[in-house]
């Protein structure tokens, strides 16, 4: 993948295959929503959550400072 951006918002599973580089990728999608309140609180505190669900790669996910500031100012 050539893009520096590698995390994208998706509304549906079909959206995933519109992103750059995904035409050659294989994936499995969880059947259930998978970010709990505990994980959300970790993200909002500036920490990371780690996805090890595919058994091969560790996926580190962490909000950047602008995302945390957005939440602080836009969520009641």
N, C-alpha and C. Protein backbone atom coordinates (compact mmCIF):
# COMPACT_ATOMS: atom_id res chain seq x y z
N UNK A 1 0.84 -1.17 0.00
CA UNK A 1 0.00 0.00 0.00
C UNK A 1 0.88 1.23 0.00
N UNK A 2 0.63 2.16 -0.90
CA UNK A 2 1.47 3.33 -1.06
C UNK A 2 1.03 4.51 -0.21
N UNK A 3 -0.23 4.58 0.13
CA UNK A 3 -0.78 5.71 0.85
C UNK A 3 -0.24 5.76 2.28
N UNK A 4 0.01 6.99 2.78
CA UNK A 4 0.41 7.14 4.17
C UNK A 4 -0.78 6.95 5.08
N UNK A 5 -1.98 7.15 4.55
CA UNK A 5 -3.19 6.93 5.33
C UNK A 5 -3.57 5.46 5.19
N UNK A 6 -3.77 4.80 6.31
CA UNK A 6 -4.09 3.38 6.26
C UNK A 6 -5.26 3.00 7.16
N UNK A 7 -5.88 3.98 7.79
CA UNK A 7 -7.10 3.73 8.55
C UNK A 7 -8.19 4.61 7.96
N UNK A 8 -9.30 4.00 7.57
CA UNK A 8 -10.37 4.70 6.89
C UNK A 8 -11.70 4.43 7.59
N UNK A 9 -12.61 5.41 7.60
CA UNK A 9 -13.96 5.14 8.10
C UNK A 9 -14.74 4.33 7.07
N UNK A 10 -15.54 3.40 7.54
CA UNK A 10 -16.36 2.57 6.65
C UNK A 10 -17.75 2.43 7.24
N UNK A 11 -18.76 2.61 6.41
CA UNK A 11 -20.14 2.43 6.87
C UNK A 11 -20.61 1.01 6.67
N UNK A 12 -20.00 0.29 5.72
CA UNK A 12 -20.41 -1.09 5.48
C UNK A 12 -19.19 -1.92 5.07
N UNK A 13 -19.35 -3.22 5.10
CA UNK A 13 -18.26 -4.13 4.70
C UNK A 13 -17.87 -3.90 3.24
N UNK A 14 -18.82 -3.56 2.40
CA UNK A 14 -18.54 -3.32 0.99
C UNK A 14 -17.64 -2.11 0.77
N UNK A 15 -17.72 -1.12 1.67
CA UNK A 15 -16.88 0.07 1.56
C UNK A 15 -15.39 -0.27 1.60
N UNK A 16 -15.04 -1.31 2.34
CA UNK A 16 -13.64 -1.66 2.56
C UNK A 16 -12.90 -1.85 1.24
N UNK A 17 -13.54 -2.46 0.28
CA UNK A 17 -12.85 -2.80 -0.96
C UNK A 17 -12.77 -1.65 -1.95
N UNK A 18 -13.20 -0.45 -1.53
CA UNK A 18 -13.04 0.77 -2.33
C UNK A 18 -11.76 1.53 -1.93
N UNK A 19 -11.14 1.13 -0.84
CA UNK A 19 -9.95 1.83 -0.36
C UNK A 19 -8.72 1.39 -1.15
N UNK A 20 -7.73 2.27 -1.26
CA UNK A 20 -6.54 1.95 -2.05
C UNK A 20 -5.81 0.71 -1.54
N UNK A 21 -5.47 -0.17 -2.45
CA UNK A 21 -4.69 -1.36 -2.13
C UNK A 21 -5.48 -2.57 -1.69
N UNK A 22 -6.77 -2.42 -1.44
CA UNK A 22 -7.54 -3.54 -0.90
C UNK A 22 -7.97 -4.56 -1.95
N UNK A 23 -7.79 -4.23 -3.20
CA UNK A 23 -8.23 -5.17 -4.25
C UNK A 23 -7.49 -6.51 -4.20
N UNK A 24 -6.33 -6.54 -3.57
CA UNK A 24 -5.58 -7.80 -3.47
C UNK A 24 -5.58 -8.38 -2.06
N UNK A 25 -6.33 -7.77 -1.17
CA UNK A 25 -6.34 -8.20 0.22
C UNK A 25 -7.49 -9.17 0.50
N UNK A 26 -7.25 -10.05 1.45
CA UNK A 26 -8.29 -10.94 1.96
C UNK A 26 -8.60 -10.51 3.38
N UNK A 27 -9.83 -10.70 3.81
CA UNK A 27 -10.17 -10.31 5.17
C UNK A 27 -11.35 -11.10 5.68
N UNK A 28 -11.46 -11.14 6.99
CA UNK A 28 -12.63 -11.66 7.67
C UNK A 28 -13.19 -10.52 8.50
N UNK A 29 -14.49 -10.39 8.50
CA UNK A 29 -15.12 -9.32 9.26
C UNK A 29 -15.85 -9.92 10.45
N UNK A 30 -15.70 -9.31 11.61
CA UNK A 30 -16.42 -9.81 12.78
C UNK A 30 -17.93 -9.72 12.55
N UNK A 31 -18.66 -10.64 13.13
CA UNK A 31 -20.11 -10.62 13.01
C UNK A 31 -20.73 -9.66 14.02
N UNK A 32 -19.99 -9.31 15.04
CA UNK A 32 -20.50 -8.46 16.11
C UNK A 32 -19.67 -7.19 16.20
N UNK A 33 -20.28 -6.16 16.72
CA UNK A 33 -19.52 -4.94 16.98
C UNK A 33 -18.46 -5.27 18.02
N UNK A 34 -17.28 -4.65 17.91
CA UNK A 34 -16.17 -5.15 18.69
C UNK A 34 -15.37 -4.12 19.49
N UNK A 35 -15.87 -2.90 19.63
CA UNK A 35 -15.19 -1.94 20.51
C UNK A 35 -16.09 -1.71 21.70
N UNK A 36 -15.64 -2.17 22.85
CA UNK A 36 -16.42 -2.07 24.09
C UNK A 36 -16.25 -0.69 24.72
N UNK A 37 -17.02 -0.43 25.75
CA UNK A 37 -16.88 0.82 26.50
C UNK A 37 -15.50 0.91 27.12
N UNK A 38 -14.94 -0.20 27.55
CA UNK A 38 -13.58 -0.20 28.12
C UNK A 38 -12.56 0.22 27.07
N UNK A 39 -12.69 -0.33 25.86
CA UNK A 39 -11.78 0.05 24.78
C UNK A 39 -11.96 1.51 24.39
N UNK A 40 -13.21 1.95 24.32
CA UNK A 40 -13.49 3.35 23.99
C UNK A 40 -12.87 4.29 25.01
N UNK A 41 -13.01 3.98 26.29
CA UNK A 41 -12.42 4.81 27.33
C UNK A 41 -10.89 4.84 27.20
N UNK A 42 -10.30 3.73 26.83
CA UNK A 42 -8.85 3.69 26.63
C UNK A 42 -8.45 4.62 25.50
N UNK A 43 -9.18 4.56 24.39
CA UNK A 43 -8.88 5.44 23.26
C UNK A 43 -9.02 6.91 23.64
N UNK A 44 -10.11 7.25 24.34
CA UNK A 44 -10.35 8.63 24.71
C UNK A 44 -9.36 9.16 25.73
N UNK A 45 -8.72 8.25 26.47
CA UNK A 45 -7.67 8.63 27.42
C UNK A 45 -6.32 8.82 26.73
N UNK A 46 -6.28 8.57 25.42
CA UNK A 46 -5.02 8.72 24.68
C UNK A 46 -4.23 7.45 24.55
N UNK A 47 -4.76 6.36 25.08
CA UNK A 47 -4.09 5.06 24.99
C UNK A 47 -4.48 4.35 23.69
N UNK A 48 -3.94 3.21 23.48
CA UNK A 48 -4.22 2.44 22.27
C UNK A 48 -5.09 1.23 22.61
N UNK A 49 -5.70 0.69 21.57
CA UNK A 49 -6.29 -0.63 21.65
C UNK A 49 -5.57 -1.47 20.60
N UNK A 50 -5.49 -2.76 20.85
CA UNK A 50 -4.74 -3.65 19.97
C UNK A 50 -5.66 -4.75 19.48
N UNK A 51 -5.70 -4.95 18.17
CA UNK A 51 -6.49 -6.02 17.57
C UNK A 51 -5.53 -7.15 17.18
N UNK A 52 -5.70 -8.31 17.80
CA UNK A 52 -4.87 -9.48 17.47
C UNK A 52 -5.74 -10.59 16.88
N UNK A 53 -6.92 -10.20 16.42
CA UNK A 53 -7.93 -11.17 15.99
C UNK A 53 -7.59 -11.99 14.76
N UNK A 54 -6.69 -11.51 13.90
CA UNK A 54 -6.42 -12.31 12.70
C UNK A 54 -5.35 -13.37 12.92
N UNK A 55 -4.75 -13.38 14.10
CA UNK A 55 -3.79 -14.42 14.43
C UNK A 55 -2.44 -14.28 13.76
N UNK A 56 -2.25 -13.22 12.99
CA UNK A 56 -0.97 -13.05 12.29
C UNK A 56 -0.35 -11.69 12.55
N UNK A 57 -1.16 -10.65 12.52
CA UNK A 57 -0.65 -9.30 12.68
C UNK A 57 -1.24 -8.65 13.92
N UNK A 58 -0.46 -7.77 14.53
CA UNK A 58 -0.93 -6.94 15.63
C UNK A 58 -1.33 -5.60 15.02
N UNK A 59 -2.58 -5.22 15.24
CA UNK A 59 -3.09 -3.95 14.70
C UNK A 59 -3.23 -2.95 15.85
N UNK A 60 -2.36 -1.96 15.88
CA UNK A 60 -2.34 -0.95 16.92
C UNK A 60 -3.22 0.20 16.48
N UNK A 61 -4.22 0.55 17.29
CA UNK A 61 -5.14 1.64 16.96
C UNK A 61 -5.12 2.67 18.08
N UNK A 62 -4.96 3.94 17.71
CA UNK A 62 -4.84 4.99 18.71
C UNK A 62 -5.32 6.30 18.10
N UNK A 63 -6.13 7.03 18.84
CA UNK A 63 -6.60 8.33 18.36
C UNK A 63 -5.45 9.33 18.36
N UNK A 64 -5.42 10.19 17.34
CA UNK A 64 -4.42 11.25 17.37
C UNK A 64 -4.95 12.39 18.23
N UNK A 65 -4.10 13.36 18.52
CA UNK A 65 -4.47 14.45 19.42
C UNK A 65 -5.68 15.24 18.90
N UNK A 66 -5.76 15.43 17.58
CA UNK A 66 -6.89 16.20 17.05
C UNK A 66 -8.21 15.46 17.24
N UNK A 67 -8.21 14.15 17.18
CA UNK A 67 -9.43 13.38 17.42
C UNK A 67 -9.87 13.49 18.87
N UNK A 68 -8.93 13.43 19.78
CA UNK A 68 -9.26 13.56 21.20
C UNK A 68 -9.80 14.96 21.49
N UNK A 69 -9.19 15.98 20.93
CA UNK A 69 -9.68 17.35 21.11
C UNK A 69 -11.09 17.52 20.53
N UNK A 70 -11.33 16.92 19.39
CA UNK A 70 -12.66 16.99 18.77
C UNK A 70 -13.71 16.42 19.72
N UNK A 71 -13.45 15.27 20.29
CA UNK A 71 -14.40 14.64 21.21
C UNK A 71 -14.62 15.53 22.43
N UNK A 72 -13.56 16.10 22.96
CA UNK A 72 -13.68 16.96 24.14
C UNK A 72 -14.60 18.15 23.88
N UNK A 73 -14.60 18.65 22.66
CA UNK A 73 -15.36 19.87 22.35
C UNK A 73 -16.70 19.61 21.67
N UNK A 74 -16.97 18.40 21.21
CA UNK A 74 -18.19 18.14 20.44
C UNK A 74 -19.11 17.10 21.02
N UNK A 75 -18.70 16.42 22.06
CA UNK A 75 -19.56 15.40 22.65
C UNK A 75 -20.04 15.92 24.01
N UNK A 76 -21.33 15.83 24.22
CA UNK A 76 -21.92 16.35 25.47
C UNK A 76 -21.61 15.45 26.64
